[in-house]
Amino acid sequence: MLTRWAAATPLAVLPFEAGHGWSFALAYSCMSLASDEFAAAGLQATVVGVLNSAMQAGGERRRR
C-alpha cells in the first residue's frame, strides 16, 4: 500500500531534489558506459534508449 507524505515546508524537500540531480546524471552515465561496452557497434544509442525507458518506467505499476 502506498502512503503519501507532505513536507511541512517547501525547504524540507530541497535536499532530496539536490540528490536526485546528481544521482540521475550518474545513472545515465552508467547506462552510456554499459551500452558502449556490451552493445554491438552502431547499436549503443538503441541500448541507451531502451535502458532509459526501463529506468523511467521501472517503478511504476499499472492499476487495474
C-alpha atoms as a PDB file:
ATOM      1  CA  MET A   1       0.000   0.000   0.000  1.00  0.00           C
ATOM      2  CA  LEU A   2       1.347   3.385  -0.928  1.00  0.00           C
ATOM      3  CA  THR A   3       1.490   6.130   1.609  1.00  0.00           C
ATOM      4  CA  ARG A   4       1.726   9.796   0.808  1.00  0.00           C
ATOM      5  CA  TRP A   5       3.906  12.276   2.614  1.00  0.00           C
ATOM      6  CA  ALA A   6       3.638  16.042   2.513  1.00  0.00           C
ATOM      7  CA  ALA A   7       6.516  18.225   3.635  1.00  0.00           C
ATOM      8  CA  ALA A   8       5.837  20.712   6.360  1.00  0.00           C
ATOM      9  CA  THR A   9       7.688  23.392   4.397  1.00  0.00           C
ATOM     10  CA  PRO A  10       8.980  23.554   0.833  1.00  0.00           C
ATOM     11  CA  LEU A  11      12.529  23.852   2.178  1.00  0.00           C
ATOM     12  CA  ALA A  12      12.315  20.316   3.578  1.00  0.00           C
ATOM     13  CA  VAL A  13      12.292  18.940   0.006  1.00  0.00           C
ATOM     14  CA  LEU A  14      15.469  20.676  -1.227  1.00  0.00           C
ATOM     15  CA  PRO A  15      17.969  18.024  -0.059  1.00  0.00           C
ATOM     16  CA  PHE A  16      16.051  15.345  -1.938  1.00  0.00           C
ATOM     17  CA  GLU A  17      15.947  17.433  -5.103  1.00  0.00           C
ATOM     18  CA  ALA A  18      19.699  18.024  -4.986  1.00  0.00           C
ATOM     19  CA  GLY A  19      20.317  14.314  -4.553  1.00  0.00           C
ATOM     20  CA  HIS A  20      18.044  13.486  -7.478  1.00  0.00           C
ATOM     21  CA  GLY A  21      20.071  15.712  -9.790  1.00  0.00           C
ATOM     22  CA  TRP A  22      23.425  14.030  -9.311  1.00  0.00           C
ATOM     23  CA  SER A  23      22.030  10.510  -8.949  1.00  0.00           C
ATOM     24  CA  PHE A  24      20.147  10.762 -12.255  1.00  0.00           C
ATOM     25  CA  ALA A  25      23.283  12.023 -14.001  1.00  0.00           C
ATOM     26  CA  LEU A  26      25.294   9.157 -12.507  1.00  0.00           C
ATOM     27  CA  ALA A  27      22.728   6.562 -13.604  1.00  0.00           C
ATOM     28  CA  TYR A  28      22.598   7.947 -17.138  1.00  0.00           C
ATOM     29  CA  SER A  29      26.404   7.940 -17.362  1.00  0.00           C
ATOM     30  CA  CYS A  30      26.494   4.312 -16.228  1.00  0.00           C
ATOM     31  CA  MET A  31      23.900   3.411 -18.862  1.00  0.00           C
ATOM     32  CA  SER A  32      26.035   5.032 -21.543  1.00  0.00           C
ATOM     33  CA  LEU A  33      29.166   3.203 -20.411  1.00  0.00           C
ATOM     34  CA  ALA A  34      27.352  -0.127 -20.230  1.00  0.00           C
ATOM     35  CA  SER A  35      25.890   0.297 -23.710  1.00  0.00           C
ATOM     36  CA  ASP A  36      29.313   1.140 -25.098  1.00  0.00           C
ATOM     37  CA  GLU A  37      30.774  -1.997 -23.538  1.00  0.00           C
ATOM     38  CA  PHE A  38      28.012  -4.545 -24.234  1.00  0.00           C
ATOM     39  CA  ALA A  39      26.170  -3.371 -27.372  1.00  0.00           C
ATOM     40  CA  ALA A  40      27.230  -4.223 -30.891  1.00  0.00           C
ATOM     41  CA  ALA A  41      28.832  -1.499 -32.989  1.00  0.00           C
ATOM     42  CA  GLY A  42      26.228   1.035 -34.051  1.00  0.00           C
ATOM     43  CA  LEU A  43      23.579  -0.035 -31.510  1.00  0.00           C
ATOM     44  CA  GLN A  44      24.771   1.934 -28.482  1.00  0.00           C
ATOM     45  CA  ALA A  45      22.112   4.637 -28.842  1.00  0.00           C
ATOM     46  CA  THR A  46      19.383   1.996 -29.077  1.00  0.00           C
ATOM     47  CA  VAL A  47      20.564   0.315 -25.892  1.00  0.00           C
ATOM     48  CA  VAL A  48      20.687   3.658 -24.072  1.00  0.00           C
ATOM     49  CA  GLY A  49      17.126   4.386 -25.222  1.00  0.00           C
ATOM     50  CA  VAL A  50      15.840   1.019 -24.017  1.00  0.00           C
ATOM     51  CA  LEU A  51      17.623   1.337 -20.667  1.00  0.00           C
ATOM     52  CA  ASN A  52      16.336   4.893 -20.239  1.00  0.00           C
ATOM     53  CA  SER A  53      12.774   3.721 -20.876  1.00  0.00           C
ATOM     54  CA  ALA A  54      13.217   0.942 -18.333  1.00  0.00           C
ATOM     55  CA  MET A  55      14.663   3.376 -15.796  1.00  0.00           C
ATOM     56  CA  GLN A  56      11.860   5.922 -16.241  1.00  0.00           C
ATOM     57  CA  ALA A  57       9.009   3.399 -16.026  1.00  0.00           C
ATOM     58  CA  GLY A  58      10.703   0.779 -13.869  1.00  0.00           C
ATOM     59  CA  GLY A  59       8.980   1.527 -10.596  1.00  0.00           C
ATOM     60  CA  GLU A  60       5.504   2.130 -11.931  1.00  0.00           C
ATOM     61  CA  ARG A  61       2.744  -0.422 -11.795  1.00  0.00           C
ATOM     62  CA  ARG A  62      -0.462  -0.257 -13.744  1.00  0.00           C
ATOM     63  CA  ARG A  63      -3.630  -0.025 -11.744  1.00  0.00           C
ATOM     64  CA  ARG A  64      -6.485  -2.297 -12.621  1.00  0.00           C
END
